[in-house]
C-alpha atoms as a PDB file:
ATOM      1  CA  MET A   1     103.914  68.499 132.273  1.00  0.00           C
ATOM      2  CA  ILE A   2     105.436  69.992 129.055  1.00  0.00           C
ATOM      3  CA  LEU A   3     107.121  66.522 128.453  1.00  0.00           C
ATOM      4  CA  LEU A   4     103.915  64.609 129.143  1.00  0.00           C
ATOM      5  CA  GLY A   5     101.847  66.921 126.884  1.00  0.00           C
ATOM      6  CA  GLU A   6     104.399  66.442 124.027  1.00  0.00           C
ATOM      7  CA  LEU A   7     104.490  62.575 124.435  1.00  0.00           C
ATOM      8  CA  SER A   8     100.747  62.275 124.674  1.00  0.00           C
ATOM      9  CA  LEU A   9     100.659  64.067 121.221  1.00  0.00           C
ATOM     10  CA  TRP A  10     103.070  61.649 119.597  1.00  0.00           C
ATOM     11  CA  VAL A  11     101.125  58.736 120.924  1.00  0.00           C
ATOM     12  CA  ALA A  12      97.691  60.371 119.670  1.00  0.00           C
ATOM     13  CA  LEU A  13      99.241  60.882 116.232  1.00  0.00           C
ATOM     14  CA  LEU A  14     100.275  57.207 116.350  1.00  0.00           C
ATOM     15  CA  MET A  15      97.008  56.033 117.292  1.00  0.00           C
ATOM     16  CA  ALA A  16      95.172  58.061 114.561  1.00  0.00           C
ATOM     17  CA  ALA A  17      97.150  56.835 112.090  1.00  0.00           C
ATOM     18  CA  TRP A  18      96.686  53.220 113.185  1.00  0.00           C
ATOM     19  CA  SER A  19      92.690  54.059 113.182  1.00  0.00           C
ATOM     20  CA  ALA A  20      92.673  55.120 109.930  1.00  0.00           C
ATOM     21  CA  THR A  21      94.712  52.546 108.067  1.00  0.00           C
ATOM     22  CA  VAL A  22      92.954  49.252 109.858  1.00  0.00           C
ATOM     23  CA  SER A  23      89.483  50.758 109.754  1.00  0.00           C
ATOM     24  CA  PHE A  24      90.170  51.459 105.944  1.00  0.00           C
ATOM     25  CA  ALA A  25      91.640  47.971 105.252  1.00  0.00           C
ATOM     26  CA  GLY A  26      89.141  46.379 107.359  1.00  0.00           C
ATOM     27  CA  GLY A  27      86.228  48.049 105.241  1.00  0.00           C
ATOM     28  CA  ARG A  28      87.937  46.960 102.055  1.00  0.00           C
ATOM     29  CA  ILE A  29      88.178  43.571 102.788  1.00  0.00           C
ATOM     30  CA  GLY A  30      85.395  43.162 104.927  1.00  0.00           C
ATOM     31  CA  ARG A  31      86.982  42.419 108.393  1.00  0.00           C
ATOM     32  CA  THR A  32      84.958  43.497 111.454  1.00  0.00           C
ATOM     33  CA  ASP A  33      87.839  42.642 113.827  1.00  0.00           C
ATOM     34  CA  LEU A  34      90.093  45.358 112.085  1.00  0.00           C
ATOM     35  CA  VAL A  35      87.222  48.064 112.088  1.00  0.00           C
ATOM     36  CA  ALA A  36      86.830  47.372 115.538  1.00  0.00           C
ATOM     37  CA  SER A  37      90.728  47.852 116.266  1.00  0.00           C
ATOM     38  CA  GLY A  38      90.577  51.056 114.153  1.00  0.00           C
ATOM     39  CA  GLU A  39      87.174  52.399 116.320  1.00  0.00           C
ATOM     40  CA  ARG A  40      89.386  51.645 119.615  1.00  0.00           C
ATOM     41  CA  ALA A  41      92.210  53.214 118.357  1.00  0.00           C
ATOM     42  CA  LEU A  42      90.205  56.403 117.462  1.00  0.00           C
ATOM     43  CA  TYR A  43      88.888  56.215 121.039  1.00  0.00           C
ATOM     44  CA  ALA A  44      92.471  56.062 122.295  1.00  0.00           C
ATOM     45  CA  THR A  45      93.316  59.209 120.055  1.00  0.00           C
ATOM     46  CA  PHE A  46      90.720  61.296 121.615  1.00  0.00           C
ATOM     47  CA  ALA A  47      92.013  60.390 125.401  1.00  0.00           C
ATOM     48  CA  PHE A  48      95.566  61.163 124.453  1.00  0.00           C
ATOM     49  CA  VAL A  49      94.673  64.374 123.164  1.00  0.00           C
ATOM     50  CA  VAL A  50      92.878  65.452 125.803  1.00  0.00           C
ATOM     51  CA  LEU A  51      95.637  64.193 128.230  1.00  0.00           C
ATOM     52  CA  SER A  52      97.812  66.447 126.103  1.00  0.00           C
ATOM     53  CA  SER A  53      95.688  69.563 126.329  1.00  0.00           C
ATOM     54  CA  ILE A  54      95.424  69.151 130.104  1.00  0.00           C
ATOM     55  CA  GLY A  55      99.211  68.831 130.421  1.00  0.00           C
ATOM     56  CA  LEU A  56      99.499  72.211 128.390  1.00  0.00           C
ATOM     57  CA  TRP A  57      96.956  74.011 130.486  1.00  0.00           C
ATOM     58  CA  THR A  58      98.582  72.821 133.524  1.00  0.00           C
ATOM     59  CA  ALA A  59     102.149  73.915 132.433  1.00  0.00           C
ATOM     60  CA  LEU A  60     100.493  77.208 131.394  1.00  0.00           C
ATOM     61  CA  LEU A  61      98.648  77.974 134.643  1.00  0.00           C
ATOM     62  CA  THR A  62     101.308  76.498 137.466  1.00  0.00           C
ATOM     63  CA  SER A  63     105.088  76.343 135.649  1.00  0.00           C
ATOM     64  CA  ASP A  64     107.448  78.924 136.015  1.00  0.00           C
ATOM     65  CA  PHE A  65     108.642  79.914 132.483  1.00  0.00           C
ATOM     66  CA  SER A  66     111.456  82.336 133.231  1.00  0.00           C
ATOM     67  CA  LEU A  67     115.188  82.901 132.549  1.00  0.00           C
ATOM     68  CA  ARG A  68     117.697  83.552 135.329  1.00  0.00           C
ATOM     69  CA  PHE A  69     120.831  85.574 134.515  1.00  0.00           C
ATOM     70  CA  VAL A  70     123.938  84.485 136.372  1.00  0.00           C
ATOM     71  CA  ALA A  71     126.793  87.097 136.309  1.00  0.00           C
ATOM     72  CA  SER A  72     130.593  86.793 136.962  1.00  0.00           C
ATOM     73  CA  GLU A  73     131.842  87.997 140.163  1.00  0.00           C
ATOM     74  CA  GLY A  74     131.834  91.910 140.675  1.00  0.00           C
ATOM     75  CA  ILE A  75     129.012  91.911 137.961  1.00  0.00           C
ATOM     76  CA  SER A  76     125.445  92.565 138.922  1.00  0.00           C
ATOM     77  CA  VAL A  77     122.209  92.171 136.592  1.00  0.00           C
ATOM     78  CA  GLU A  78     118.903  93.583 137.383  1.00  0.00           C
ATOM     79  CA  PRO A  79     116.480  92.147 137.263  1.00  0.00           C
ATOM     80  CA  ALA A  80     118.149  88.677 138.112  1.00  0.00           C
ATOM     81  CA  VAL A  81     115.003  86.574 136.998  1.00  0.00           C
ATOM     82  CA  VAL A  82     112.659  87.819 133.858  1.00  0.00           C
ATOM     83  CA  GLU A  83     109.248  86.069 133.667  1.00  0.00           C
ATOM     84  CA  LEU A  84     108.287  84.962 130.323  1.00  0.00           C
ATOM     85  CA  THR A  85     104.597  85.950 130.186  1.00  0.00           C
ATOM     86  CA  PRO A  86     103.389  84.652 127.735  1.00  0.00           C
ATOM     87  CA  PRO A  87     105.651  81.488 127.246  1.00  0.00           C
ATOM     88  CA  LEU A  88     108.405  81.784 124.466  1.00  0.00           C
ATOM     89  CA  ALA A  89     107.275  80.330 121.052  1.00  0.00           C
ATOM     90  CA  GLN A  90     109.259  79.228 118.167  1.00  0.00           C
ATOM     91  CA  GLY A  91     110.070  82.248 115.974  1.00  0.00           C
ATOM     92  CA  ALA A  92     108.597  84.740 118.014  1.00  0.00           C
ATOM     93  CA  PRO A  93     111.046  87.720 118.885  1.00  0.00           C
ATOM     94  CA  ARG A  94     111.180  89.010 122.563  1.00  0.00           C
ATOM     95  CA  THR A  95     112.943  91.782 123.758  1.00  0.00           C
ATOM     96  CA  VAL A  96     114.300  91.995 127.269  1.00  0.00           C
ATOM     97  CA  THR A  97     115.921  94.989 128.848  1.00  0.00           C
ATOM     98  CA  LEU A  98     118.626  94.526 131.654  1.00  0.00           C
ATOM     99  CA  LYS A  99     120.673  96.967 133.828  1.00  0.00           C
ATOM    100  CA  VAL A 100     124.187  95.379 134.029  1.00  0.00           C
ATOM    101  CA  LYS A 101     126.611  97.208 136.653  1.00  0.00           C
ATOM    102  CA  ALA A 102     130.100  96.542 137.641  1.00  0.00           C
ATOM    103  CA  ARG A 103     131.658  97.160 141.054  1.00  0.00           C
ATOM    104  CA  PRO A 104     133.536 100.407 140.744  1.00  0.00           C
ATOM    105  CA  GLU A 105     136.924  98.730 141.419  1.00  0.00           C
ATOM    106  CA  LEU A 106     136.454  95.801 139.367  1.00  0.00           C
ATOM    107  CA  ALA A 107     139.381  95.523 136.756  1.00  0.00           C
ATOM    108  CA  SER A 108     138.669  96.032 132.855  1.00  0.00           C
ATOM    109  CA  GLY A 109     138.183  92.875 131.106  1.00  0.00           C
ATOM    110  CA  LEU A 110     135.729  90.893 129.310  1.00  0.00           C
ATOM    111  CA  TYR A 111     133.120  89.076 131.696  1.00  0.00           C
ATOM    112  CA  GLU A 112     130.145  86.805 131.136  1.00  0.00           C
ATOM    113  CA  VAL A 113     126.443  86.756 131.890  1.00  0.00           C
ATOM    114  CA  ARG A 114     124.657  83.357 131.501  1.00  0.00           C
ATOM    115  CA  ALA A 115     121.078  83.227 130.716  1.00  0.00           C
ATOM    116  CA  GLU A 116     119.630  80.052 132.136  1.00  0.00           C
ATOM    117  CA  PRO A 117     116.190  78.640 131.896  1.00  0.00           C
ATOM    118  CA  VAL A 118     114.250  77.895 135.094  1.00  0.00           C
ATOM    119  CA  ALA A 119     112.382  74.696 135.642  1.00  0.00           C
ATOM    120  CA  GLU A 120     110.677  73.662 132.280  1.00  0.00           C
ATOM    121  CA  THR A 121     111.387  77.054 130.311  1.00  0.00           C
ATOM    122  CA  PRO A 122     111.694  75.883 126.873  1.00  0.00           C
ATOM    123  CA  ALA A 123     114.952  77.730 126.245  1.00  0.00           C
ATOM    124  CA  ALA A 124     118.686  77.006 125.746  1.00  0.00           C
ATOM    125  CA  VAL A 125     121.585  78.377 127.970  1.00  0.00           C
ATOM    126  CA  GLU A 126     123.016  81.225 126.457  1.00  0.00           C
ATOM    127  CA  THR A 127     126.428  83.357 127.343  1.00  0.00           C
ATOM    128  CA  LEU A 128     126.270  86.781 127.042  1.00  0.00           C
ATOM    129  CA  PRO A 129     129.767  89.057 126.799  1.00  0.00           C
ATOM    130  CA  VAL A 130     130.031  91.929 129.118  1.00  0.00           C
ATOM    131  CA  SER A 131     132.929  94.450 128.799  1.00  0.00           C
ATOM    132  CA  VAL A 132     134.294  96.460 131.572  1.00  0.00           C
ATOM    133  CA  GLY A 133     136.429  99.562 130.735  1.00  0.00           C
ATOM    134  CA  VAL A 134     138.280  99.201 127.192  1.00  0.00           C
ATOM    135  CA  VAL A 135     139.050  95.525 126.247  1.00  0.00           C
ATOM    136  CA  LEU A 136     141.003  95.167 123.255  1.00  0.00           C
ATOM    137  CA  LYS A 137     141.183  91.536 121.959  1.00  0.00           C
ATOM    138  CA  LYS A 138     142.818  90.027 118.759  1.00  0.00           C
ATOM    139  CA  ASP A 139     139.892  87.686 116.885  1.00  0.00           C
ATOM    140  CA  ARG A 140     141.665  84.889 114.872  1.00  0.00           C
ATOM    141  CA  ARG A 141     138.703  82.962 114.052  1.00  0.00           C
ATOM    142  CA  ILE A 142     138.612  83.319 110.616  1.00  0.00           C
ATOM    143  CA  PRO A 143     142.214  82.334 109.097  1.00  0.00           C
ATOM    144  CA  ARG A 144     144.077  85.038 107.489  1.00  0.00           C
ATOM    145  CA  LEU A 145     141.449  87.297 108.495  1.00  0.00           C
ATOM    146  CA  ALA A 146     142.249  88.476 112.050  1.00  0.00           C
ATOM    147  CA  GLN A 147     140.554  91.414 113.412  1.00  0.00           C
ATOM    148  CA  TRP A 148     141.222  93.672 116.437  1.00  0.00           C
ATOM    149  CA  VAL A 149     137.969  93.933 118.441  1.00  0.00           C
ATOM    150  CA  ALA A 150     137.793  96.955 120.832  1.00  0.00           C
ATOM    151  CA  ARG A 151     134.692  96.866 123.256  1.00  0.00           C
ATOM    152  CA  ALA A 152     133.942 100.144 125.410  1.00  0.00           C
ATOM    153  CA  PRO A 153     131.088 101.137 127.175  1.00  0.00           C
ATOM    154  CA  GLY A 154     130.328 103.561 124.359  1.00  0.00           C
ATOM    155  CA  TYR A 155     131.113 101.554 121.315  1.00  0.00           C
ATOM    156  CA  THR A 156     132.318  98.447 119.832  1.00  0.00           C
ATOM    157  CA  MET A 157     134.897  98.587 116.823  1.00  0.00           C
ATOM    158  CA  LYS A 158     136.647  96.080 114.700  1.00  0.00           C
ATOM    159  CA  VAL A 159     140.403  97.266 113.041  1.00  0.00           C
ATOM    160  CA  ASP A 160     141.174  94.651 110.198  1.00  0.00           C
ATOM    161  CA  GLU A 161     144.924  93.484 110.912  1.00  0.00           C
ATOM    162  CA  PHE A 162     145.490  93.278 107.131  1.00  0.00           C
ATOM    163  CA  SER A 163     144.875  96.884 106.314  1.00  0.00           C
ATOM    164  CA  GLY A 164     145.081  98.524 109.772  1.00  0.00           C
ATOM    165  CA  VAL A 165     141.684 100.417 109.355  1.00  0.00           C
ATOM    166  CA  GLY A 166     138.339  99.992 110.915  1.00  0.00           C
ATOM    167  CA  MET A 167     135.616  98.340 109.180  1.00  0.00           C
ATOM    168  CA  TYR A 168     132.821  97.398 111.965  1.00  0.00           C
ATOM    169  CA  LEU A 169     131.354  99.757 114.179  1.00  0.00           C
ATOM    170  CA  LEU A 170     128.860  99.531 116.640  1.00  0.00           C
ATOM    171  CA  ASP A 171     127.026 102.355 119.022  1.00  0.00           C
ATOM    172  CA  ALA A 172     126.451 101.979 122.947  1.00  0.00           C
ATOM    173  CA  ASP A 173     123.202 100.312 122.437  1.00  0.00           C
ATOM    174  CA  GLY A 174     124.445  97.674 120.078  1.00  0.00           C
ATOM    175  CA  HIS A 175     123.109  99.039 116.634  1.00  0.00           C
ATOM    176  CA  ARG A 176     125.210  98.475 113.635  1.00  0.00           C
ATOM    177  CA  ARG A 177     126.640 101.924 112.670  1.00  0.00           C
ATOM    178  CA  PHE A 178     128.783 100.922 109.303  1.00  0.00           C
ATOM    179  CA  GLY A 179     127.647 100.504 106.110  1.00  0.00           C
ATOM    180  CA  ARG A 180     128.291  97.928 103.433  1.00  0.00           C
ATOM    181  CA  PHE A 181     131.925  97.243 102.371  1.00  0.00           C
ATOM    182  CA  THR A 182     132.182  96.399  98.633  1.00  0.00           C
ATOM    183  CA  THR A 183     134.067  98.112  95.577  1.00  0.00           C
ATOM    184  CA  THR A 184     132.268 101.422  95.316  1.00  0.00           C
ATOM    185  CA  ASN A 185     132.454 104.924  96.161  1.00  0.00           C
ATOM    186  CA  PHE A 186     133.554 106.140  99.497  1.00  0.00           C
ATOM    187  CA  ILE A 187     134.042 103.245 101.070  1.00  0.00           C
ATOM    188  CA  ASN A 188     137.615 103.085 102.263  1.00  0.00           C
ATOM    189  CA  GLY A 189     137.498 102.304 106.109  1.00  0.00           C
ATOM    190  CA  PHE A 190     137.570 104.248 109.229  1.00  0.00           C
ATOM    191  CA  GLY A 191     140.887 105.734 109.209  1.00  0.00           C
ATOM    192  CA  ALA A 192     141.908 105.306 105.730  1.00  0.00           C
ATOM    193  CA  VAL A 193     144.539 107.804 104.631  1.00  0.00           C
ATOM    194  CA  ARG A 194     145.451 109.171 100.843  1.00  0.00           C
ATOM    195  CA  ARG A 195     148.214 111.333  99.639  1.00  0.00           C
ATOM    196  CA  GLY A 196     147.499 112.509  96.053  1.00  0.00           C
ATOM    197  CA  ASP A 197     146.571 109.312  94.090  1.00  0.00           C
ATOM    198  CA  GLU A 198     148.193 107.148  96.435  1.00  0.00           C
ATOM    199  CA  TRP A 199     146.756 105.313  99.203  1.00  0.00           C
ATOM    200  CA  ILE A 200     148.610 104.787 102.419  1.00  0.00           C
ATOM    201  CA  PHE A 201     146.217 103.027 104.253  1.00  0.00           C
ATOM    202  CA  ARG A 202     143.001 101.564 102.892  1.00  0.00           C
ATOM    203  CA  VAL A 203     140.470  98.895 103.432  1.00  0.00           C
ATOM    204  CA  GLN A 204     141.951  95.521 101.372  1.00  0.00           C
ATOM    205  CA  GLN A 205     145.351  97.359 101.092  1.00  0.00           C
ATOM    206  CA  ALA A 206     148.082  95.689 103.227  1.00  0.00           C
ATOM    207  CA  CYS A 207     149.810  97.821 106.039  1.00  0.00           C
ATOM    208  CA  HIS A 208     153.469  97.052 106.858  1.00  0.00           C
ATOM    209  CA  SER A 209     152.707  95.825 110.416  1.00  0.00           C
ATOM    210  CA  VAL A 210     150.119  96.503 113.349  1.00  0.00           C
ATOM    211  CA  TRP A 211     151.508  97.330 117.117  1.00  0.00           C
ATOM    212  CA  SER A 212     149.274  96.887 120.159  1.00  0.00           C
ATOM    213  CA  SER A 213     149.035  98.080 123.560  1.00  0.00           C
ATOM    214  CA  PRO A 214     146.153  97.269 125.919  1.00  0.00           C
ATOM    215  CA  ASP A 215     143.976 100.316 124.591  1.00  0.00           C
ATOM    216  CA  ALA A 216     145.765 101.248 121.599  1.00  0.00           C
ATOM    217  CA  LEU A 217     146.997 100.013 117.973  1.00  0.00           C
ATOM    218  CA  THR A 218     149.802 101.736 115.866  1.00  0.00           C
ATOM    219  CA  ILE A 219     149.555 100.832 112.243  1.00  0.00           C
ATOM    220  CA  LEU A 220     152.628 101.014 110.321  1.00  0.00           C
ATOM    221  CA  GLY A 221     153.023 102.234 106.721  1.00  0.00           C
ATOM    222  CA  GLY A 222     156.225 103.381 105.043  1.00  0.00           C
ATOM    223  CA  SER A 223     157.186 106.674 107.207  1.00  0.00           C
ATOM    224  CA  GLU A 224     153.621 107.025 108.279  1.00  0.00           C
ATOM    225  CA  ARG A 225     152.047 105.830 111.514  1.00  0.00           C
ATOM    226  CA  LEU A 226     148.261 105.651 111.986  1.00  0.00           C
ATOM    227  CA  ARG A 227     147.284 105.436 115.706  1.00  0.00           C
ATOM    228  CA  HIS A 228     143.875 104.045 117.120  1.00  0.00           C
ATOM    229  CA  GLU A 229     143.311 105.139 120.857  1.00  0.00           C
ATOM    230  CA  PHE A 230     140.476 103.452 122.345  1.00  0.00           C
ATOM    231  CA  ARG A 231     138.924 105.182 125.436  1.00  0.00           C
ATOM    232  CA  GLU A 232     135.848 104.431 127.149  1.00  0.00           C
ATOM    233  CA  ASP A 233     133.627 106.863 125.355  1.00  0.00           C
ATOM    234  CA  ARG A 234     135.379 107.536 121.881  1.00  0.00           C
ATOM    235  CA  VAL A 235     137.916 106.397 119.133  1.00  0.00           C
ATOM    236  CA  VAL A 236     140.977 108.725 118.370  1.00  0.00           C
ATOM    237  CA  ILE A 237     142.594 108.314 115.310  1.00  0.00           C
ATOM    238  CA  ARG A 238     146.010 110.227 114.949  1.00  0.00           C
ATOM    239  CA  PHE A 239     147.932 110.337 111.820  1.00  0.00           C
ATOM    240  CA  LEU A 240     151.783 110.348 112.397  1.00  0.00           C
ATOM    241  CA  ASP A 241     154.701 111.187 109.945  1.00  0.00           C
ATOM    242  CA  PRO A 242     157.228 113.296 111.765  1.00  0.00           C
ATOM    243  CA  SER A 243     159.929 113.111 108.962  1.00  0.00           C
ATOM    244  CA  HIS A 244     157.340 114.722 106.516  1.00  0.00           C
ATOM    245  CA  ALA A 245     155.441 116.909 108.802  1.00  0.00           C
ATOM    246  CA  ASP A 246     154.740 119.548 106.031  1.00  0.00           C
ATOM    247  CA  ARG A 247     152.739 117.100 103.757  1.00  0.00           C
ATOM    248  CA  GLU A 248     149.286 116.941 103.617  1.00  0.00           C
ATOM    249  CA  GLN A 249     147.245 114.057 103.456  1.00  0.00           C
ATOM    250  CA  THR A 250     143.394 113.439 103.453  1.00  0.00           C
ATOM    251  CA  MET A 251     141.869 111.010 105.937  1.00  0.00           C
ATOM    252  CA  TRP A 252     138.639 109.276 105.255  1.00  0.00           C
ATOM    253  CA  LEU A 253     136.010 107.970 107.808  1.00  0.00           C
ATOM    254  CA  GLY A 254     133.395 105.401 106.147  1.00  0.00           C
ATOM    255  CA  ASN A 255     131.387 103.882 105.201  1.00  0.00           C
ATOM    256  CA  PHE A 256     128.694 104.939 107.712  1.00  0.00           C
ATOM    257  CA  ASP A 257     125.154 102.989 107.619  1.00  0.00           C
ATOM    258  CA  THR A 258     123.750 106.418 107.028  1.00  0.00           C
ATOM    259  CA  LEU A 259     124.515 110.404 107.931  1.00  0.00           C
ATOM    260  CA  LEU A 260     122.290 112.911 108.075  1.00  0.00           C
ATOM    261  CA  ALA A 261     122.890 116.521 107.584  1.00  0.00           C
ATOM    262  CA  PRO A 262     125.353 117.898 110.683  1.00  0.00           C
ATOM    263  CA  LEU A 263     124.894 120.113 113.448  1.00  0.00           C
ATOM    264  CA  HIS A 264     128.193 122.008 113.861  1.00  0.00           C
ATOM    265  CA  ASN A 265     129.969 125.181 115.407  1.00  0.00           C
ATOM    266  CA  GLY A 266     131.675 126.316 112.432  1.00  0.00           C
ATOM    267  CA  THR A 267     130.598 127.542 108.950  1.00  0.00           C
ATOM    268  CA  GLN A 268     129.877 126.138 105.606  1.00  0.00           C
ATOM    269  CA  GLU A 269     129.840 128.314 102.385  1.00  0.00           C
ATOM    270  CA  GLN A 270     127.714 126.530 100.128  1.00  0.00           C
ATOM    271  CA  PRO A 271     125.637 123.163 100.553  1.00  0.00           C
ATOM    272  CA  HIS A 272     128.306 121.446  98.181  1.00  0.00           C
ATOM    273  CA  LYS A 273     131.167 122.761 100.038  1.00  0.00           C
ATOM    274  CA  PRO A 274     133.282 121.486 103.220  1.00  0.00           C
ATOM    275  CA  VAL A 275     132.261 122.382 106.901  1.00  0.00           C
ATOM    276  CA  VAL A 276     134.890 124.234 108.568  1.00  0.00           C
ATOM    277  CA  ALA A 277     134.333 123.374 112.308  1.00  0.00           C
ATOM    278  CA  GLU A 278     135.986 122.161 115.380  1.00  0.00           C
ATOM    279  CA  TRP A 279     133.000 119.422 115.816  1.00  0.00           C
ATOM    280  CA  LEU A 280     130.230 118.140 113.710  1.00  0.00           C
ATOM    281  CA  PHE A 281     127.227 115.799 114.753  1.00  0.00           C
ATOM    282  CA  PHE A 282     125.185 113.776 112.421  1.00  0.00           C
ATOM    283  CA  PRO A 283     122.138 112.766 113.531  1.00  0.00           C
ATOM    284  CA  HIS A 284     120.634 109.286 113.052  1.00  0.00           C
ATOM    285  CA  PRO A 285     117.294 108.914 111.426  1.00  0.00           C
ATOM    286  CA  VAL A 286     116.206 106.009 114.005  1.00  0.00           C
ATOM    287  CA  TYR A 287     118.538 105.613 116.536  1.00  0.00           C
ATOM    288  CA  ARG A 288     118.761 108.172 119.726  1.00  0.00           C
ATOM    289  CA  GLN A 289     122.641 108.560 119.499  1.00  0.00           C
ATOM    290  CA  GLY A 290     124.233 110.535 116.403  1.00  0.00           C
ATOM    291  CA  VAL A 291     127.884 110.396 115.352  1.00  0.00           C
ATOM    292  CA  LEU A 292     129.982 113.240 117.007  1.00  0.00           C
ATOM    293  CA  LEU A 293     133.466 114.184 115.546  1.00  0.00           C
ATOM    294  CA  ARG A 294     135.892 116.353 117.151  1.00  0.00           C
ATOM    295  CA  PHE A 295     138.964 118.022 116.032  1.00  0.00           C
ATOM    296  CA  ARG A 296     141.644 119.956 118.024  1.00  0.00           C
ATOM    297  CA  LYS A 297     141.342 122.948 115.415  1.00  0.00           C
ATOM    298  CA  LYS A 298     138.744 124.245 112.775  1.00  0.00           C
ATOM    299  CA  THR A 299     139.013 121.809 109.950  1.00  0.00           C
ATOM    300  CA  PRO A 300     137.232 121.535 106.798  1.00  0.00           C
ATOM    301  CA  VAL A 301     135.206 118.360 106.326  1.00  0.00           C
ATOM    302  CA  THR A 302     133.741 117.331 102.885  1.00  0.00           C
ATOM    303  CA  LEU A 303     130.629 115.304 103.286  1.00  0.00           C
ATOM    304  CA  HIS A 304     129.516 112.446 101.269  1.00  0.00           C
ATOM    305  CA  LEU A 305     126.050 111.839 102.503  1.00  0.00           C
ATOM    306  CA  PRO A 306     123.038 109.991 100.812  1.00  0.00           C
ATOM    307  CA  SER A 307     120.739 111.701  98.305  1.00  0.00           C
ATOM    308  CA  PRO A 308     117.096 110.766  97.627  1.00  0.00           C
ATOM    309  CA  ALA A 309     117.978 111.651  94.412  1.00  0.00           C
ATOM    310  CA  TYR A 310     120.414 108.709  93.984  1.00  0.00           C
ATOM    311  CA  PRO A 311     118.782 105.590  95.778  1.00  0.00           C
ATOM    312  CA  GLN A 312     121.831 103.835  95.023  1.00  0.00           C
ATOM    313  CA  SER A 313     123.901 105.966  97.574  1.00  0.00           C
ATOM    314  CA  ASN A 314     121.847 104.598 100.122  1.00  0.00           C
ATOM    315  CA  GLY A 315     124.340 102.634 102.491  1.00  0.00           C
ATOM    316  CA  GLN A 316     127.367 104.971 101.454  1.00  0.00           C
ATOM    317  CA  ALA A 317     128.040 107.934 103.841  1.00  0.00           C
ATOM    318  CA  ALA A 318     131.268 109.184 104.910  1.00  0.00           C
ATOM    319  CA  VAL A 319     133.461 112.399 105.440  1.00  0.00           C
ATOM    320  CA  ASP A 320     137.007 113.448 104.596  1.00  0.00           C
ATOM    321  CA  PHE A 321     139.351 115.959 105.736  1.00  0.00           C
ATOM    322  CA  PRO A 322     142.914 117.146 105.507  1.00  0.00           C
ATOM    323  CA  VAL A 323     145.515 115.775 108.082  1.00  0.00           C
ATOM    324  CA  ARG A 324     149.295 116.467 108.788  1.00  0.00           C
ATOM    325  CA  SER A 325     151.750 114.771 111.011  1.00  0.00           C
ATOM    326  CA  GLY A 326     150.077 114.925 114.571  1.00  0.00           C
ATOM    327  CA  ASP A 327     146.642 115.600 113.599  1.00  0.00           C
ATOM    328  CA  GLU A 328     143.749 113.917 115.338  1.00  0.00           C
ATOM    329  CA  VAL A 329     139.742 113.284 115.183  1.00  0.00           C
ATOM    330  CA  SER A 330     137.743 111.484 117.804  1.00  0.00           C
ATOM    331  CA  LEU A 331     134.723 109.708 116.950  1.00  0.00           C
ATOM    332  CA  SER A 332     131.855 108.966 119.586  1.00  0.00           C
ATOM    333  CA  PHE A 333     128.325 108.208 119.789  1.00  0.00           C
ATOM    334  CA  VAL A 334     126.295 110.875 121.904  1.00  0.00           C
ATOM    335  CA  THR A 335     122.613 112.177 121.979  1.00  0.00           C
ATOM    336  CA  ARG A 336     121.741 115.993 121.274  1.00  0.00           C
ATOM    337  CA  GLU A 337     121.774 116.722 124.698  1.00  0.00           C
ATOM    338  CA  GLU A 338     125.422 115.686 125.156  1.00  0.00           C
ATOM    339  CA  LEU A 339     126.670 118.079 122.461  1.00  0.00           C
ATOM    340  CA  PRO A 340     129.539 120.529 123.210  1.00  0.00           C
ATOM    341  CA  ARG A 341     128.604 123.781 124.508  1.00  0.00           C
END
């Protein structure tokens, strides 16, 4: 019925154009036969408009406008069919909430869920990726700009193969949690490391090499190593330099989209001084999950947060802290109810 209604509208348009053209020409040159033809075309236009309206209302009242979700073996989707009432319209967004579950014994990997239109639903087939466990893949689609993509139930993170630091971060709900990466303050990457005035790992600075395993990356510098361990609920970033275990470096995490003033289990002498704590939780002004940073020991963390007094600081949020060989930090997205006790 949708196709019939659309075809009727096109025919009605042609009839209307014919009616206007021949009626004008007939009146201009005094030919009654052309005027009569235009009159008949006008009646035909009305008939096809009525026919298209009947087709539209019939489709609205009787057709099944819905999407069916077909998952890979071992994956289930609830609901399996979503009714689209009212029907989809061009340019109008629609949010659909799905519950996707995997069998307990299903192997870690990247699976697919296909969204297929039912009957005459005006929609295209779309494939949605679903990760089970931790999935680490190399994305080579952009020449010379390969990215390691870590997908896990609690986050999605991309590590730039050229520099070895992270530049892309999504939370468990798929919200973007990284800020802009351009040449400005505090934008050094997730896991950037600096010793004095020398950058060891940093965005847009080449590392020596990248070693990969199913759920981890090891980034090689000179004698230094930067290890990203991807777990289901967190990313652990560890700095290693056993031959210079006494040297102190500064590790940066940023750029975040935004960070509010943190909750923590430590102390802060003044608002402009570091927070000394084992964990810090940065709430988000919009999303339900905040950023939780955890350390093995109490660590002084310097905050670089947006300030209302400086609108240009929007989109620039980062932290830095000292590290020695063997020190690590874990980054995860949690709610206030999930904070350490």
